């Protein structure tokens, strides 16, 4: 393995250990629930899920699980500008 690649692998490891470096703007996740698969989406601070609970309440176990998994990697969005805080 080239020495430059070893340095890149070490850098990747360091990045992975510092989750504050990451901030998601948008993504789509397929989550396997207890009864069926769900599509969970996140865009600019807003969640969406295809389950009935989310449609009625604006939150659900699927979006809450994603919040727990991602933690601080979800950057808060300011209401005034729609930009990252």
N, C-alpha and C. Protein backbone atom coordinates (compact mmCIF):
# COMPACT_ATOMS: atom_id res chain seq x y z
N UNK A 1 0.86 -1.18 0.00
CA UNK A 1 0.00 0.00 0.00
C UNK A 1 0.91 1.24 0.00
N UNK A 2 0.56 2.22 -0.77
CA UNK A 2 1.34 3.46 -0.85
C UNK A 2 1.25 4.22 0.47
N UNK A 3 2.33 4.88 0.83
CA UNK A 3 2.35 5.64 2.08
C UNK A 3 1.32 6.77 2.07
N UNK A 4 1.05 7.32 0.89
CA UNK A 4 0.03 8.38 0.83
C UNK A 4 -1.35 7.83 1.18
N UNK A 5 -1.63 6.60 0.79
CA UNK A 5 -2.93 6.00 1.11
C UNK A 5 -3.05 5.75 2.60
N UNK A 6 -1.98 5.36 3.24
CA UNK A 6 -2.00 5.14 4.69
C UNK A 6 -2.37 6.44 5.39
N UNK A 7 -1.83 7.55 4.95
CA UNK A 7 -2.17 8.86 5.51
C UNK A 7 -3.64 9.19 5.31
N UNK A 8 -4.18 8.85 4.14
CA UNK A 8 -5.59 9.11 3.85
C UNK A 8 -6.50 8.27 4.74
N UNK A 9 -6.12 7.03 4.97
CA UNK A 9 -6.90 6.14 5.85
C UNK A 9 -6.89 6.68 7.27
N UNK A 10 -5.75 7.14 7.73
CA UNK A 10 -5.66 7.72 9.08
C UNK A 10 -6.53 8.97 9.19
N UNK A 11 -6.51 9.80 8.16
CA UNK A 11 -7.33 11.00 8.16
C UNK A 11 -8.82 10.63 8.21
N UNK A 12 -9.22 9.63 7.43
CA UNK A 12 -10.61 9.17 7.44
C UNK A 12 -11.02 8.67 8.82
N UNK A 13 -10.13 7.94 9.47
CA UNK A 13 -10.41 7.45 10.81
C UNK A 13 -10.60 8.60 11.79
N UNK A 14 -9.75 9.61 11.70
CA UNK A 14 -9.86 10.79 12.58
C UNK A 14 -11.17 11.52 12.32
N UNK A 15 -11.52 11.71 11.05
CA UNK A 15 -12.79 12.35 10.73
C UNK A 15 -13.97 11.58 11.33
N UNK A 16 -13.94 10.27 11.18
CA UNK A 16 -15.04 9.44 11.67
C UNK A 16 -15.18 9.52 13.18
N UNK A 17 -14.11 9.79 13.88
CA UNK A 17 -14.15 9.91 15.34
C UNK A 17 -14.58 11.29 15.80
N UNK A 18 -14.81 12.21 14.88
CA UNK A 18 -15.20 13.58 15.21
C UNK A 18 -16.50 13.93 14.49
N UNK A 19 -17.64 13.40 14.99
CA UNK A 19 -18.90 13.60 14.27
C UNK A 19 -19.32 15.06 14.13
N UNK A 20 -18.75 15.95 14.93
CA UNK A 20 -19.11 17.36 14.80
C UNK A 20 -18.64 17.93 13.46
N UNK A 21 -17.80 17.22 12.75
CA UNK A 21 -17.36 17.65 11.41
C UNK A 21 -18.47 17.49 10.37
N UNK A 22 -19.47 16.67 10.66
CA UNK A 22 -20.50 16.34 9.68
C UNK A 22 -21.78 17.12 9.97
N UNK A 23 -22.43 17.59 8.93
CA UNK A 23 -23.73 18.24 9.06
C UNK A 23 -24.54 17.89 7.82
N UNK A 24 -25.61 17.16 8.02
CA UNK A 24 -26.44 16.72 6.91
C UNK A 24 -27.43 17.81 6.51
N UNK A 25 -27.55 18.05 5.21
CA UNK A 25 -28.56 18.95 4.67
C UNK A 25 -29.79 18.16 4.23
N UNK A 26 -29.54 17.02 3.58
CA UNK A 26 -30.65 16.21 3.11
C UNK A 26 -30.20 14.76 2.90
N UNK A 27 -31.16 13.85 3.05
CA UNK A 27 -30.90 12.44 2.76
C UNK A 27 -32.22 11.68 2.77
N UNK A 28 -32.17 10.47 2.24
CA UNK A 28 -33.30 9.54 2.26
C UNK A 28 -32.77 8.21 2.78
N UNK A 29 -33.51 7.64 3.73
CA UNK A 29 -33.12 6.38 4.36
C UNK A 29 -34.27 5.39 4.25
N UNK A 30 -33.95 4.16 3.95
CA UNK A 30 -34.94 3.09 3.99
C UNK A 30 -34.73 2.37 5.32
N UNK A 31 -35.75 2.41 6.16
CA UNK A 31 -35.67 1.86 7.50
C UNK A 31 -36.60 0.66 7.61
N UNK A 32 -36.10 -0.45 8.08
CA UNK A 32 -36.92 -1.64 8.24
C UNK A 32 -37.60 -1.59 9.60
N UNK A 33 -38.90 -1.31 9.59
CA UNK A 33 -39.67 -1.28 10.82
C UNK A 33 -40.08 -2.68 11.25
N UNK A 34 -40.84 -2.74 12.35
CA UNK A 34 -41.31 -4.04 12.84
C UNK A 34 -42.31 -4.69 11.89
N UNK A 35 -43.10 -3.86 11.19
CA UNK A 35 -44.18 -4.39 10.36
C UNK A 35 -43.97 -4.18 8.87
N UNK A 36 -43.18 -3.16 8.49
CA UNK A 36 -42.91 -2.92 7.07
C UNK A 36 -41.73 -1.95 6.95
N UNK A 37 -41.28 -1.75 5.73
CA UNK A 37 -40.21 -0.79 5.46
C UNK A 37 -40.79 0.61 5.40
N UNK A 38 -39.98 1.59 5.80
CA UNK A 38 -40.39 2.98 5.74
C UNK A 38 -39.32 3.81 5.04
N UNK A 39 -39.73 4.86 4.40
CA UNK A 39 -38.81 5.81 3.80
C UNK A 39 -38.82 7.05 4.67
N UNK A 40 -37.66 7.38 5.21
CA UNK A 40 -37.49 8.56 6.06
C UNK A 40 -36.63 9.54 5.29
N UNK A 41 -37.06 10.80 5.23
CA UNK A 41 -36.31 11.82 4.52
C UNK A 41 -36.04 13.00 5.44
N UNK A 42 -34.94 13.68 5.15
CA UNK A 42 -34.55 14.87 5.90
C UNK A 42 -34.07 15.90 4.90
N UNK A 43 -34.59 17.11 5.01
CA UNK A 43 -34.14 18.18 4.13
C UNK A 43 -34.23 19.51 4.85
N UNK A 44 -33.08 20.16 4.97
CA UNK A 44 -32.97 21.50 5.56
C UNK A 44 -33.72 21.62 6.89
N UNK A 45 -33.50 20.65 7.76
CA UNK A 45 -34.06 20.69 9.10
C UNK A 45 -35.46 20.11 9.23
N UNK A 46 -36.05 19.64 8.15
CA UNK A 46 -37.41 19.10 8.21
C UNK A 46 -37.40 17.60 7.90
N UNK A 47 -38.13 16.85 8.73
CA UNK A 47 -38.26 15.41 8.56
C UNK A 47 -39.50 15.07 7.78
N UNK A 48 -39.49 13.89 7.16
CA UNK A 48 -40.68 13.32 6.54
C UNK A 48 -40.55 11.81 6.62
N UNK A 49 -41.67 11.14 6.82
CA UNK A 49 -41.71 9.68 6.85
C UNK A 49 -43.03 9.25 6.22
N UNK A 50 -43.01 8.10 5.58
CA UNK A 50 -44.22 7.62 4.90
C UNK A 50 -45.19 6.87 5.81
N UNK A 51 -44.96 6.88 7.13
CA UNK A 51 -45.86 6.14 8.03
C UNK A 51 -47.04 7.00 8.47
N UNK A 52 -48.07 6.33 8.96
CA UNK A 52 -49.29 7.02 9.41
C UNK A 52 -49.04 7.91 10.63
N UNK A 53 -48.20 7.46 11.54
CA UNK A 53 -47.93 8.25 12.73
C UNK A 53 -47.36 9.61 12.37
N UNK A 54 -46.42 9.62 11.43
CA UNK A 54 -45.83 10.90 11.02
C UNK A 54 -46.88 11.78 10.35
N UNK A 55 -47.73 11.19 9.53
CA UNK A 55 -48.77 11.96 8.85
C UNK A 55 -49.71 12.63 9.85
N UNK A 56 -49.97 11.99 10.97
CA UNK A 56 -50.88 12.55 11.98
C UNK A 56 -50.21 13.49 12.96
N UNK A 57 -48.93 13.20 13.30
CA UNK A 57 -48.28 13.92 14.38
C UNK A 57 -47.09 14.80 13.98
N UNK A 58 -46.54 14.56 12.80
CA UNK A 58 -45.36 15.30 12.39
C UNK A 58 -44.08 14.73 12.98
N UNK A 59 -44.16 13.60 13.64
CA UNK A 59 -43.01 12.86 14.16
C UNK A 59 -43.41 11.41 14.28
N UNK A 60 -42.44 10.53 14.42
CA UNK A 60 -42.73 9.10 14.53
C UNK A 60 -41.49 8.39 15.07
N UNK A 61 -41.63 7.12 15.42
CA UNK A 61 -40.47 6.38 15.92
C UNK A 61 -39.32 6.34 14.91
N UNK A 62 -39.64 6.39 13.63
CA UNK A 62 -38.62 6.27 12.60
C UNK A 62 -37.77 7.54 12.53
N UNK A 63 -38.40 8.71 12.57
CA UNK A 63 -37.64 9.96 12.55
C UNK A 63 -36.90 10.15 13.88
N UNK A 64 -37.53 9.75 14.98
CA UNK A 64 -36.86 9.88 16.27
C UNK A 64 -35.64 8.97 16.35
N UNK A 65 -35.73 7.78 15.77
CA UNK A 65 -34.57 6.87 15.74
C UNK A 65 -33.44 7.48 14.93
N UNK A 66 -33.76 8.10 13.81
CA UNK A 66 -32.74 8.73 12.99
C UNK A 66 -32.08 9.89 13.73
N UNK A 67 -32.86 10.65 14.48
CA UNK A 67 -32.28 11.73 15.28
C UNK A 67 -31.30 11.18 16.31
N UNK A 68 -31.63 10.06 16.90
CA UNK A 68 -30.73 9.44 17.89
C UNK A 68 -29.46 8.93 17.22
N UNK A 69 -29.60 8.32 16.06
CA UNK A 69 -28.44 7.78 15.35
C UNK A 69 -27.50 8.91 14.92
N UNK A 70 -28.05 9.99 14.41
CA UNK A 70 -27.22 11.07 13.85
C UNK A 70 -26.78 12.10 14.87
N UNK A 71 -27.52 12.24 15.96
CA UNK A 71 -27.14 13.16 17.02
C UNK A 71 -26.83 14.56 16.54
N UNK A 72 -25.65 15.05 16.89
CA UNK A 72 -25.25 16.42 16.57
C UNK A 72 -24.89 16.63 15.11
N UNK A 73 -24.93 15.59 14.31
CA UNK A 73 -24.62 15.77 12.90
C UNK A 73 -25.74 16.46 12.14
N UNK A 74 -26.90 16.61 12.79
CA UNK A 74 -28.01 17.34 12.18
C UNK A 74 -27.88 18.80 12.61
N UNK A 75 -27.44 19.63 11.72
CA UNK A 75 -27.22 21.04 12.04
C UNK A 75 -28.55 21.75 12.18
N UNK A 76 -28.70 22.56 13.23
CA UNK A 76 -29.94 23.35 13.36
C UNK A 76 -30.04 24.38 12.24
N UNK A 77 -31.25 24.60 11.79
CA UNK A 77 -31.53 25.58 10.73
C UNK A 77 -32.25 26.75 11.37
N UNK A 78 -31.84 27.95 11.07
CA UNK A 78 -32.51 29.12 11.64
C UNK A 78 -33.77 29.42 10.86
N UNK A 79 -34.83 29.80 11.56
CA UNK A 79 -36.12 30.05 10.94
C UNK A 79 -36.08 31.27 10.01
N UNK A 80 -35.29 32.28 10.39
CA UNK A 80 -35.28 33.51 9.62
C UNK A 80 -34.66 33.35 8.24
N UNK A 81 -33.56 32.64 8.17
CA UNK A 81 -32.81 32.57 6.91
C UNK A 81 -32.89 31.22 6.21
N UNK A 82 -33.28 30.20 6.95
CA UNK A 82 -33.24 28.85 6.36
C UNK A 82 -31.82 28.33 6.23
N UNK A 83 -30.86 29.03 6.82
CA UNK A 83 -29.44 28.66 6.76
C UNK A 83 -29.04 27.96 8.05
N UNK A 84 -27.89 27.31 8.00
CA UNK A 84 -27.32 26.68 9.18
C UNK A 84 -26.99 27.72 10.23
N UNK A 85 -27.26 27.36 11.47
CA UNK A 85 -26.92 28.26 12.58
C UNK A 85 -25.43 28.26 12.82
